[in-house]
C-alpha atoms as a PDB file:
ATOM      1  CA  MET A   1     -11.191 -19.169 -41.386  1.00  0.00           C
ATOM      2  CA  ALA A   2     -14.421 -16.236 -42.437  1.00  0.00           C
ATOM      3  CA  SER A   3     -17.063 -17.791 -40.941  1.00  0.00           C
ATOM      4  CA  PHE A   4     -15.240 -18.833 -37.167  1.00  0.00           C
ATOM      5  CA  LEU A   5     -14.819 -15.099 -37.219  1.00  0.00           C
ATOM      6  CA  GLN A   6     -18.400 -14.644 -37.685  1.00  0.00           C
ATOM      7  CA  PHE A   7     -19.261 -17.006 -34.990  1.00  0.00           C
ATOM      8  CA  GLY A   8     -17.624 -15.238 -32.506  1.00  0.00           C
ATOM      9  CA  ARG A   9     -19.071 -11.944 -32.728  1.00  0.00           C
ATOM     10  CA  ARG A  10     -22.450 -13.552 -33.188  1.00  0.00           C
ATOM     11  CA  ALA A  11     -21.388 -15.134 -29.980  1.00  0.00           C
ATOM     12  CA  VAL A  12     -20.508 -11.632 -28.579  1.00  0.00           C
ATOM     13  CA  VAL A  13     -22.840 -10.012 -29.155  1.00  0.00           C
ATOM     14  CA  THR A  14     -26.391 -13.078 -28.495  1.00  0.00           C
ATOM     15  CA  ALA A  15     -23.775 -12.256 -24.976  1.00  0.00           C
ATOM     16  CA  THR A  16     -24.160  -8.822 -24.735  1.00  0.00           C
ATOM     17  CA  ARG A  17     -28.151  -8.619 -25.727  1.00  0.00           C
ATOM     18  CA  GLN A  18     -28.450 -11.853 -22.784  1.00  0.00           C
ATOM     19  CA  ALA A  19     -26.567  -9.418 -20.322  1.00  0.00           C
ATOM     20  CA  LYS A  20     -28.940  -7.048 -21.229  1.00  0.00           C
ATOM     21  CA  LYS A  21     -32.072  -8.922 -20.695  1.00  0.00           C
ATOM     22  CA  MET A  22     -31.272 -10.208 -17.874  1.00  0.00           C
ATOM     23  CA  SER A  23     -30.614  -7.089 -15.989  1.00  0.00           C
ATOM     24  CA  THR A  24     -34.062  -5.771 -17.425  1.00  0.00           C
ATOM     25  CA  VAL A  25     -35.822  -8.427 -16.519  1.00  0.00           C
ATOM     26  CA  ALA A  26     -34.039  -8.627 -12.679  1.00  0.00           C
ATOM     27  CA  ALA A  27     -35.477  -4.878 -12.057  1.00  0.00           C
ATOM     28  CA  THR A  28     -38.733  -5.722 -12.904  1.00  0.00           C
ATOM     29  CA  GLU A  29     -39.532  -9.927 -11.667  1.00  0.00           C
ATOM     30  CA  GLN A  30     -38.045 -11.752  -8.192  1.00  0.00           C
ATOM     31  CA  ILE A  31     -35.916 -14.653  -9.947  1.00  0.00           C
ATOM     32  CA  PRO A  32     -34.494 -16.724  -7.435  1.00  0.00           C
ATOM     33  CA  HIS A  33     -31.444 -16.594  -6.603  1.00  0.00           C
ATOM     34  CA  TRP A  34     -29.980 -19.116  -8.327  1.00  0.00           C
ATOM     35  CA  LYS A  35     -31.136 -18.988 -10.943  1.00  0.00           C
ATOM     36  CA  ARG A  36     -29.732 -15.460 -11.423  1.00  0.00           C
ATOM     37  CA  LEU A  37     -26.552 -17.255 -10.253  1.00  0.00           C
ATOM     38  CA  ALA A  38     -26.821 -19.834 -13.491  1.00  0.00           C
ATOM     39  CA  SER A  39     -28.030 -17.578 -16.127  1.00  0.00           C
ATOM     40  CA  ALA A  40     -25.483 -15.054 -15.256  1.00  0.00           C
ATOM     41  CA  ALA A  41     -22.632 -18.044 -15.298  1.00  0.00           C
ATOM     42  CA  GLY A  42     -23.684 -19.295 -18.394  1.00  0.00           C
ATOM     43  CA  VAL A  43     -23.202 -15.537 -19.955  1.00  0.00           C
ATOM     44  CA  PHE A  44     -19.881 -15.843 -19.048  1.00  0.00           C
ATOM     45  CA  SER A  45     -19.493 -19.132 -20.051  1.00  0.00           C
ATOM     46  CA  VAL A  46     -20.625 -17.543 -23.745  1.00  0.00           C
ATOM     47  CA  GLY A  47     -19.129 -14.210 -24.309  1.00  0.00           C
ATOM     48  CA  THR A  48     -15.317 -16.252 -22.775  1.00  0.00           C
ATOM     49  CA  VAL A  49     -15.500 -18.851 -25.169  1.00  0.00           C
ATOM     50  CA  GLY A  50     -17.124 -16.482 -27.814  1.00  0.00           C
ATOM     51  CA  ALA A  51     -13.899 -13.526 -27.028  1.00  0.00           C
ATOM     52  CA  ILE A  52     -11.650 -16.374 -27.805  1.00  0.00           C
ATOM     53  CA  ALA A  53     -13.074 -16.908 -30.813  1.00  0.00           C
ATOM     54  CA  TYR A  54     -12.906 -13.556 -32.142  1.00  0.00           C
ATOM     55  CA  ALA A  55      -9.330 -13.107 -30.763  1.00  0.00           C
ATOM     56  CA  GLU A  56      -8.038 -16.017 -32.498  1.00  0.00           C
ATOM     57  CA  SER A  57      -9.390 -15.074 -35.729  1.00  0.00           C
ATOM     58  CA  LEU A  58      -7.318 -12.165 -35.858  1.00  0.00           C
ATOM     59  CA  PRO A  59      -4.445 -12.312 -37.815  1.00  0.00           C
ATOM     60  CA  LEU A  60      -1.136 -12.509 -36.397  1.00  0.00           C
ATOM     61  CA  MET A  61       0.786  -9.661 -36.571  1.00  0.00           C
ATOM     62  CA  ALA A  62       4.820  -8.988 -37.625  1.00  0.00           C
ATOM     63  CA  GLU A  63       5.261  -7.554 -33.534  1.00  0.00           C
ATOM     64  CA  GLU A  64       3.424 -10.316 -32.144  1.00  0.00           C
ATOM     65  CA  GLU A  65       6.218 -13.265 -34.173  1.00  0.00           C
ATOM     66  CA  VAL A  66       8.844 -12.534 -31.558  1.00  0.00           C
ATOM     67  CA  LEU A  67      10.302 -14.775 -28.517  1.00  0.00           C
ATOM     68  CA  HIS A  68       9.567 -13.395 -25.325  1.00  0.00           C
ATOM     69  CA  PRO A  69      12.393 -13.813 -23.043  1.00  0.00           C
ATOM     70  CA  PRO A  70      12.782 -15.706 -20.033  1.00  0.00           C
ATOM     71  CA  HIS A  71      13.377 -14.008 -16.807  1.00  0.00           C
ATOM     72  CA  TYR A  72      16.277 -13.535 -15.105  1.00  0.00           C
ATOM     73  CA  GLY A  73      17.575 -13.554 -11.669  1.00  0.00           C
ATOM     74  CA  TRP A  74      18.800 -10.169 -11.248  1.00  0.00           C
ATOM     75  CA  ASN A  75      20.201  -8.545  -7.697  1.00  0.00           C
ATOM     76  CA  HIS A  76      18.017  -5.408  -8.287  1.00  0.00           C
ATOM     77  CA  SER A  77      14.918  -7.353  -8.558  1.00  0.00           C
ATOM     78  CA  ALA A  78      14.242  -8.517  -5.290  1.00  0.00           C
ATOM     79  CA  ILE A  79      12.470  -5.605  -3.510  1.00  0.00           C
ATOM     80  CA  ASP A  80      15.539  -5.255  -0.429  1.00  0.00           C
ATOM     81  CA  GLU A  81      18.347  -5.479  -3.107  1.00  0.00           C
ATOM     82  CA  THR A  82      20.253  -2.372  -4.587  1.00  0.00           C
ATOM     83  CA  PHE A  83      21.945  -2.329  -7.917  1.00  0.00           C
ATOM     84  CA  ASP A  84      25.500  -4.836  -8.480  1.00  0.00           C
ATOM     85  CA  HIS A  85      27.811  -1.317  -8.862  1.00  0.00           C
ATOM     86  CA  ALA A  86      30.544  -2.752  -9.716  1.00  0.00           C
ATOM     87  CA  SER A  87      28.055  -4.913 -12.426  1.00  0.00           C
ATOM     88  CA  ILE A  88      27.114  -0.677 -12.938  1.00  0.00           C
ATOM     89  CA  ARG A  89      30.848   0.514 -13.318  1.00  0.00           C
ATOM     90  CA  ARG A  90      31.644  -3.482 -15.908  1.00  0.00           C
ATOM     91  CA  GLY A  91      28.751  -2.255 -17.694  1.00  0.00           C
ATOM     92  CA  TYR A  92      30.040   1.608 -18.375  1.00  0.00           C
ATOM     93  CA  GLU A  93      33.521   0.029 -19.664  1.00  0.00           C
ATOM     94  CA  VAL A  94      30.870  -1.896 -21.933  1.00  0.00           C
ATOM     95  CA  TYR A  95      28.370   1.120 -23.624  1.00  0.00           C
ATOM     96  CA  ARG A  96      31.687   3.425 -23.815  1.00  0.00           C
ATOM     97  CA  GLN A  97      33.623   1.102 -25.779  1.00  0.00           C
ATOM     98  CA  VAL A  98      31.402  -0.814 -27.820  1.00  0.00           C
ATOM     99  CA  CYS A  99      27.782   0.922 -27.564  1.00  0.00           C
ATOM    100  CA  SER A 100      28.589   4.446 -28.164  1.00  0.00           C
ATOM    101  CA  ALA A 101      29.636   4.337 -31.072  1.00  0.00           C
ATOM    102  CA  CYS A 102      26.556   4.344 -32.401  1.00  0.00           C
ATOM    103  CA  HIS A 103      23.759   5.062 -28.912  1.00  0.00           C
ATOM    104  CA  SER A 104      23.720   8.097 -27.596  1.00  0.00           C
ATOM    105  CA  MET A 105      22.948   8.363 -23.714  1.00  0.00           C
ATOM    106  CA  ASN A 106      21.285  11.900 -23.854  1.00  0.00           C
ATOM    107  CA  SER A 107      20.097  11.905 -20.584  1.00  0.00           C
ATOM    108  CA  ILE A 108      21.796  10.903 -18.885  1.00  0.00           C
ATOM    109  CA  ALA A 109      24.723  13.705 -17.392  1.00  0.00           C
ATOM    110  CA  PHE A 110      28.341  12.699 -16.114  1.00  0.00           C
ATOM    111  CA  ARG A 111      27.890  14.133 -12.648  1.00  0.00           C
ATOM    112  CA  ASN A 112      25.255  11.048 -12.626  1.00  0.00           C
ATOM    113  CA  LEU A 113      28.657   8.596 -12.308  1.00  0.00           C
ATOM    114  CA  VAL A 114      29.506  10.450  -9.542  1.00  0.00           C
ATOM    115  CA  ASP A 115      29.474   7.816  -6.395  1.00  0.00           C
ATOM    116  CA  VAL A 116      27.779   5.424  -8.349  1.00  0.00           C
ATOM    117  CA  ILE A 117      30.747   4.316 -10.828  1.00  0.00           C
ATOM    118  CA  TYR A 118      33.464   7.059  -9.987  1.00  0.00           C
ATOM    119  CA  SER A 119      34.607   9.302  -7.602  1.00  0.00           C
ATOM    120  CA  GLU A 120      33.722  12.921  -8.112  1.00  0.00           C
ATOM    121  CA  GLU A 121      38.197  13.888  -9.074  1.00  0.00           C
ATOM    122  CA  GLU A 122      37.454  10.179 -11.594  1.00  0.00           C
ATOM    123  CA  VAL A 123      34.170  12.048 -13.614  1.00  0.00           C
ATOM    124  CA  LYS A 124      36.166  15.008 -14.124  1.00  0.00           C
ATOM    125  CA  ALA A 125      38.812  13.686 -15.537  1.00  0.00           C
ATOM    126  CA  HIS A 126      36.919  11.104 -17.461  1.00  0.00           C
ATOM    127  CA  ALA A 127      35.159  14.102 -18.221  1.00  0.00           C
ATOM    128  CA  ALA A 128      38.012  15.612 -19.698  1.00  0.00           C
ATOM    129  CA  GLU A 129      38.949  13.443 -21.930  1.00  0.00           C
ATOM    130  CA  TYR A 130      35.283  14.527 -24.439  1.00  0.00           C
ATOM    131  CA  GLU A 131      34.550  17.208 -26.349  1.00  0.00           C
ATOM    132  CA  VAL A 132      30.977  18.879 -26.966  1.00  0.00           C
ATOM    133  CA  LYS A 133      30.133  21.381 -28.168  1.00  0.00           C
ATOM    134  CA  ASN A 134      29.557  24.923 -26.728  1.00  0.00           C
ATOM    135  CA  LYS A 135      25.966  26.432 -26.098  1.00  0.00           C
ATOM    136  CA  GLU A 136      26.279  29.641 -26.287  1.00  0.00           C
ATOM    137  CA  PRO A 137      28.694  31.095 -29.088  1.00  0.00           C
ATOM    138  CA  ASN A 138      32.277  33.123 -27.865  1.00  0.00           C
ATOM    139  CA  ASP A 139      33.149  37.458 -28.853  1.00  0.00           C
ATOM    140  CA  ALA A 140      33.056  36.516 -32.213  1.00  0.00           C
ATOM    141  CA  GLY A 141      29.645  35.117 -33.153  1.00  0.00           C
ATOM    142  CA  ASP A 142      31.374  30.979 -33.491  1.00  0.00           C
ATOM    143  CA  TYR A 143      30.922  28.587 -31.387  1.00  0.00           C
ATOM    144  CA  PHE A 144      33.631  25.983 -30.230  1.00  0.00           C
ATOM    145  CA  LYS A 145      34.026  22.651 -28.501  1.00  0.00           C
ATOM    146  CA  ARG A 146      35.756  22.488 -25.546  1.00  0.00           C
ATOM    147  CA  PRO A 147      36.466  19.669 -22.661  1.00  0.00           C
ATOM    148  CA  ALA A 148      33.469  18.381 -21.656  1.00  0.00           C
ATOM    149  CA  LYS A 149      32.749  19.229 -17.318  1.00  0.00           C
ATOM    150  CA  PRO A 150      30.231  17.235 -14.537  1.00  0.00           C
ATOM    151  CA  PHE A 151      27.641  18.624 -15.693  1.00  0.00           C
ATOM    152  CA  ASP A 152      27.554  17.935 -19.551  1.00  0.00           C
ATOM    153  CA  TYR A 153      25.333  14.628 -20.639  1.00  0.00           C
ATOM    154  CA  PHE A 154      27.498  12.502 -22.920  1.00  0.00           C
ATOM    155  CA  PRO A 155      28.014  13.708 -26.294  1.00  0.00           C
ATOM    156  CA  ASP A 156      25.879  12.535 -29.167  1.00  0.00           C
ATOM    157  CA  PRO A 157      28.598   9.872 -31.489  1.00  0.00           C
ATOM    158  CA  TYR A 158      26.219  11.280 -35.069  1.00  0.00           C
ATOM    159  CA  ASP A 159      24.915  15.736 -34.987  1.00  0.00           C
ATOM    160  CA  ASN A 160      21.815  14.338 -36.276  1.00  0.00           C
ATOM    161  CA  GLU A 161      19.595  11.896 -37.461  1.00  0.00           C
ATOM    162  CA  GLN A 162      20.464  12.026 -40.889  1.00  0.00           C
ATOM    163  CA  GLN A 163      24.188  11.624 -40.620  1.00  0.00           C
ATOM    164  CA  SER A 164      23.203   8.805 -38.505  1.00  0.00           C
ATOM    165  CA  ARG A 165      21.193   6.620 -40.586  1.00  0.00           C
ATOM    166  CA  ALA A 166      23.121   7.007 -43.267  1.00  0.00           C
ATOM    167  CA  ALA A 167      26.515   5.741 -41.504  1.00  0.00           C
ATOM    168  CA  ASN A 168      23.380   2.520 -40.748  1.00  0.00           C
ATOM    169  CA  ALA A 169      22.788   1.361 -43.518  1.00  0.00           C
ATOM    170  CA  GLY A 170      19.385   3.749 -42.712  1.00  0.00           C
ATOM    171  CA  ALA A 171      19.110   2.322 -39.680  1.00  0.00           C
ATOM    172  CA  TYR A 172      19.050   4.671 -36.763  1.00  0.00           C
ATOM    173  CA  PRO A 173      20.075   3.641 -33.055  1.00  0.00           C
ATOM    174  CA  PRO A 174      17.461   4.433 -30.629  1.00  0.00           C
ATOM    175  CA  ASP A 175      18.723   6.502 -27.484  1.00  0.00           C
ATOM    176  CA  LEU A 176      19.257   3.937 -24.522  1.00  0.00           C
ATOM    177  CA  SER A 177      18.762   6.416 -21.490  1.00  0.00           C
ATOM    178  CA  VAL A 178      15.422   4.870 -20.578  1.00  0.00           C
ATOM    179  CA  ILE A 179      15.675   1.840 -23.287  1.00  0.00           C
ATOM    180  CA  VAL A 180      15.150  -0.826 -20.643  1.00  0.00           C
ATOM    181  CA  LYS A 181      12.104   0.902 -20.089  1.00  0.00           C
ATOM    182  CA  ALA A 182      10.948   1.929 -23.416  1.00  0.00           C
ATOM    183  CA  ARG A 183      11.241  -1.837 -24.144  1.00  0.00           C
ATOM    184  CA  HIS A 184       8.395  -4.986 -22.578  1.00  0.00           C
ATOM    185  CA  GLY A 185      10.850  -7.217 -20.668  1.00  0.00           C
ATOM    186  CA  ASN A 186      12.856  -5.035 -19.627  1.00  0.00           C
ATOM    187  CA  GLU A 187      16.947  -5.580 -18.959  1.00  0.00           C
ATOM    188  CA  ASP A 188      14.961  -9.044 -19.922  1.00  0.00           C
ATOM    189  CA  TYR A 189      14.836  -8.093 -22.491  1.00  0.00           C
ATOM    190  CA  ILE A 190      17.934  -6.186 -23.308  1.00  0.00           C
ATOM    191  CA  PHE A 191      20.124  -8.845 -22.153  1.00  0.00           C
ATOM    192  CA  SER A 192      18.344 -12.344 -24.497  1.00  0.00           C
ATOM    193  CA  LEU A 193      18.447  -9.135 -27.607  1.00  0.00           C
ATOM    194  CA  LEU A 194      22.172  -8.859 -26.669  1.00  0.00           C
ATOM    195  CA  THR A 195      23.216 -12.663 -26.008  1.00  0.00           C
ATOM    196  CA  GLY A 196      20.052 -13.693 -29.158  1.00  0.00           C
ATOM    197  CA  TYR A 197      21.673 -13.405 -32.428  1.00  0.00           C
ATOM    198  CA  CYS A 198      21.004 -16.674 -34.419  1.00  0.00           C
ATOM    199  CA  ASP A 199      21.246 -18.564 -38.528  1.00  0.00           C
ATOM    200  CA  ALA A 200      17.874 -18.264 -39.357  1.00  0.00           C
ATOM    201  CA  PRO A 201      15.680 -21.027 -39.628  1.00  0.00           C
ATOM    202  CA  ALA A 202      14.679 -22.876 -42.480  1.00  0.00           C
ATOM    203  CA  GLY A 203      11.987 -20.740 -44.474  1.00  0.00           C
ATOM    204  CA  ILE A 204      13.057 -17.613 -43.420  1.00  0.00           C
ATOM    205  CA  ALA A 205      14.878 -14.734 -45.683  1.00  0.00           C
ATOM    206  CA  VAL A 206      17.383 -12.487 -44.368  1.00  0.00           C
ATOM    207  CA  ALA A 207      17.912  -9.110 -46.505  1.00  0.00           C
ATOM    208  CA  GLU A 208      22.148  -7.951 -47.014  1.00  0.00           C
ATOM    209  CA  GLY A 209      22.257  -5.841 -43.791  1.00  0.00           C
ATOM    210  CA  GLN A 210      20.309  -7.524 -41.627  1.00  0.00           C
ATOM    211  CA  HIS A 211      20.555 -10.507 -38.941  1.00  0.00           C
ATOM    212  CA  PHE A 212      18.129 -12.912 -37.606  1.00  0.00           C
ATOM    213  CA  ASN A 213      17.175 -12.516 -33.929  1.00  0.00           C
ATOM    214  CA  PRO A 214      14.237 -13.808 -32.271  1.00  0.00           C
ATOM    215  CA  TYR A 215      13.921 -11.772 -29.662  1.00  0.00           C
ATOM    216  CA  PHE A 216      13.702  -9.220 -31.981  1.00  0.00           C
ATOM    217  CA  PRO A 217      10.158  -8.182 -33.575  1.00  0.00           C
ATOM    218  CA  GLY A 218       9.871  -9.507 -36.576  1.00  0.00           C
ATOM    219  CA  GLY A 219      13.400 -11.285 -35.984  1.00  0.00           C
ATOM    220  CA  LYS A 220      15.200  -8.913 -38.045  1.00  0.00           C
ATOM    221  CA  ILE A 221      17.584  -6.158 -36.725  1.00  0.00           C
ATOM    222  CA  GLY A 222      20.550  -3.890 -38.735  1.00  0.00           C
ATOM    223  CA  MET A 223      22.495  -3.892 -36.040  1.00  0.00           C
ATOM    224  CA  GLN A 224      24.584  -6.997 -36.346  1.00  0.00           C
ATOM    225  CA  ALA A 225      26.016  -9.002 -32.878  1.00  0.00           C
ATOM    226  CA  PRO A 226      27.873  -5.403 -30.862  1.00  0.00           C
ATOM    227  CA  LEU A 227      29.322  -8.488 -28.260  1.00  0.00           C
ATOM    228  CA  TYR A 228      31.607 -11.388 -28.793  1.00  0.00           C
ATOM    229  CA  ASP A 229      33.814 -13.002 -26.204  1.00  0.00           C
ATOM    230  CA  GLU A 230      37.316 -11.063 -24.927  1.00  0.00           C
ATOM    231  CA  ILE A 231      35.825  -7.696 -27.176  1.00  0.00           C
ATOM    232  CA  ILE A 232      37.529  -6.060 -24.582  1.00  0.00           C
ATOM    233  CA  GLU A 233      39.015  -6.031 -21.336  1.00  0.00           C
ATOM    234  CA  TYR A 234      37.726  -4.861 -17.939  1.00  0.00           C
ATOM    235  CA  GLU A 235      39.752  -2.413 -15.794  1.00  0.00           C
ATOM    236  CA  ASP A 236      39.194  -5.199 -12.861  1.00  0.00           C
ATOM    237  CA  GLY A 237      40.422  -8.386 -14.425  1.00  0.00           C
ATOM    238  CA  THR A 238      36.863 -10.034 -14.615  1.00  0.00           C
ATOM    239  CA  GLU A 239      36.161 -12.612 -17.347  1.00  0.00           C
ATOM    240  CA  ALA A 240      35.048 -10.967 -20.572  1.00  0.00           C
ATOM    241  CA  SER A 241      32.669 -13.315 -22.046  1.00  0.00           C
ATOM    242  CA  THR A 242      30.386 -12.853 -24.160  1.00  0.00           C
ATOM    243  CA  ALA A 243      27.480 -13.835 -21.909  1.00  0.00           C
ATOM    244  CA  GLN A 244      29.238 -11.438 -18.527  1.00  0.00           C
ATOM    245  CA  LEU A 245      29.086  -8.663 -21.497  1.00  0.00           C
ATOM    246  CA  ALA A 246      25.149  -8.479 -21.613  1.00  0.00           C
ATOM    247  CA  LYS A 247      24.930  -8.863 -18.629  1.00  0.00           C
ATOM    248  CA  ASP A 248      26.978  -6.112 -16.883  1.00  0.00           C
ATOM    249  CA  VAL A 249      26.295  -3.612 -19.927  1.00  0.00           C
ATOM    250  CA  SER A 250      22.486  -4.476 -18.952  1.00  0.00           C
ATOM    251  CA  THR A 251      22.541  -3.487 -15.650  1.00  0.00           C
ATOM    252  CA  PHE A 252      24.283  -0.645 -16.342  1.00  0.00           C
ATOM    253  CA  LEU A 253      21.017   0.137 -18.953  1.00  0.00           C
ATOM    254  CA  ALA A 254      18.498  -1.017 -16.252  1.00  0.00           C
ATOM    255  CA  TRP A 255      20.329   1.961 -13.496  1.00  0.00           C
ATOM    256  CA  SER A 256      20.589   4.990 -16.413  1.00  0.00           C
ATOM    257  CA  ALA A 257      17.063   3.911 -16.949  1.00  0.00           C
ATOM    258  CA  GLU A 258      16.027   4.171 -13.213  1.00  0.00           C
ATOM    259  CA  PRO A 259      19.244   6.334 -11.007  1.00  0.00           C
ATOM    260  CA  GLU A 260      17.406   6.852  -8.106  1.00  0.00           C
ATOM    261  CA  HIS A 261      16.467   3.160  -7.313  1.00  0.00           C
ATOM    262  CA  ASP A 262      18.319   1.696  -4.478  1.00  0.00           C
ATOM    263  CA  GLU A 263      17.731   5.899  -2.384  1.00  0.00           C
ATOM    264  CA  ARG A 264      14.055   4.968  -3.387  1.00  0.00           C
ATOM    265  CA  LYS A 265      14.202   1.722  -1.956  1.00  0.00           C
ATOM    266  CA  ARG A 266      16.194   2.752   0.676  1.00  0.00           C
ATOM    267  CA  MET A 267      13.635   5.323   1.202  1.00  0.00           C
ATOM    268  CA  GLY A 268      10.667   3.014   1.300  1.00  0.00           C
ATOM    269  CA  VAL A 269      12.040   0.513   4.062  1.00  0.00           C
ATOM    270  CA  LYS A 270      12.363   3.810   6.006  1.00  0.00           C
ATOM    271  CA  ALA A 271       8.343   4.623   5.364  1.00  0.00           C
ATOM    272  CA  ILE A 272       7.434   1.360   6.505  1.00  0.00           C
ATOM    273  CA  ILE A 273       9.148   2.405   9.787  1.00  0.00           C
ATOM    274  CA  MET A 274       7.517   4.439  10.379  1.00  0.00           C
ATOM    275  CA  LEU A 275       4.057   4.287   8.922  1.00  0.00           C
ATOM    276  CA  SER A 276       4.300   0.401  11.449  1.00  0.00           C
ATOM    277  CA  THR A 277       4.724   2.549  14.533  1.00  0.00           C
ATOM    278  CA  LEU A 278       2.393   5.045  13.822  1.00  0.00           C
ATOM    279  CA  ALA A 279      -0.500   2.373  13.037  1.00  0.00           C
ATOM    280  CA  ALA A 280       0.206   0.081  15.970  1.00  0.00           C
ATOM    281  CA  LEU A 281      -0.126   4.180  18.131  1.00  0.00           C
ATOM    282  CA  LEU A 282      -3.153   4.724  17.048  1.00  0.00           C
ATOM    283  CA  LEU A 283      -4.483   0.908  17.419  1.00  0.00           C
ATOM    284  CA  TYR A 284      -3.432   0.994  20.689  1.00  0.00           C
ATOM    285  CA  LEU A 285      -4.986   4.863  21.507  1.00  0.00           C
ATOM    286  CA  LYS A 286      -8.250   3.250  19.733  1.00  0.00           C
ATOM    287  CA  ARG A 287      -8.413   0.602  22.095  1.00  0.00           C
ATOM    288  CA  ASN A 288      -7.176   2.179  24.629  1.00  0.00           C
ATOM    289  CA  LYS A 289     -10.030   5.388  23.916  1.00  0.00           C
ATOM    290  CA  TRP A 290     -12.649   3.082  23.076  1.00  0.00           C
ATOM    291  CA  ALA A 291     -12.777   0.422  24.802  1.00  0.00           C
ATOM    292  CA  PRO A 292     -14.546   1.865  28.183  1.00  0.00           C
ATOM    293  CA  LEU A 293     -17.090   2.781  26.029  1.00  0.00           C
ATOM    294  CA  LYS A 294     -17.543  -0.160  24.164  1.00  0.00           C
ATOM    295  CA  SER A 295     -17.684  -2.990  27.363  1.00  0.00           C
ATOM    296  CA  ARG A 296     -19.889  -0.540  29.899  1.00  0.00           C
ATOM    297  CA  LYS A 297     -22.818  -1.840  29.773  1.00  0.00           C
ATOM    298  CA  ILE A 298     -26.102  -0.367  30.532  1.00  0.00           C
ATOM    299  CA  SER A 299     -29.101  -1.920  32.704  1.00  0.00           C
ATOM    300  CA  TYR A 300     -32.639  -0.654  33.384  1.00  0.00           C
ATOM    301  CA  GLN A 301     -33.462  -1.144  36.919  1.00  0.00           C
ATOM    302  CA  PRO A 302     -37.241  -0.443  37.920  1.00  0.00           C
ATOM    303  CA  GLY A 303     -37.955   1.090  41.273  1.00  0.00           C
ATOM    304  CA  ALA A 304     -34.802   1.500  42.896  1.00  0.00           C
ATOM    305  CA  TYR A 305     -34.370   4.738  42.709  1.00  0.00           C
ATOM    306  CA  LYS A 306     -37.585   6.845  44.310  1.00  0.00           C
ATOM    307  CA  PHE A 307     -37.854  10.570  43.845  1.00  0.00           C
END
């Protein structure tokens, strides 16, 4: 391993020196073009081999021992497609009844659900089911709890980080507001993680309180499998299988990370139409103005004019 690593480093250094030498010689001497191309190709090949050798000789890090999630055909992944709002609503049911027991969503307010999951009146009634701590004290200087209103953000399941860790065997459940954007693979990773729990393979020891999931960095995760068939009952009667639950909550979390997703795509379509029309008009104007200048011919005929 040491000799392999030394070879990789030596190859990179040699390629760098050769490239500098070539640039110096080319600036002072006239070298045929084909020779310069051949030398550049040789330097590139040596450098590439050296870089690969050096990279392969590095030790494997714990975060690299992870199974990369496959890519799924999400409804909103195409450039001209929007979110499946029925799936967002079901995903919110999964979060509210399962995930919210441990995970917070500090960046999402109840008002963000208006015209996406519920109507304005439904959001008001839904927010009133929760109690939040008032930010301003009363006349006696005491803080109090009140029914939530649409402008309030989702309440945290725990009062502080210490309480959260104590309730989860030392693990700190991350906030899910933008978790899709914070993980490589986005919603593919969330879906794969939720459906990827399995028994640890031979030779891998999992400590008490941990669970094996090949999609989690290191393979060992403190969260047990949160979803299983029929853990909740959907309001619209959809069959609540594990895959359906994971798909819906992944869609909801993808929406929470980009609430402006649908509007951004609509604005993009409008911008493309307007810019295409403007480009066509500019092209016509350019050809109309420049055609006489570019097509005219100036000729000189000696003796044609007499003074």
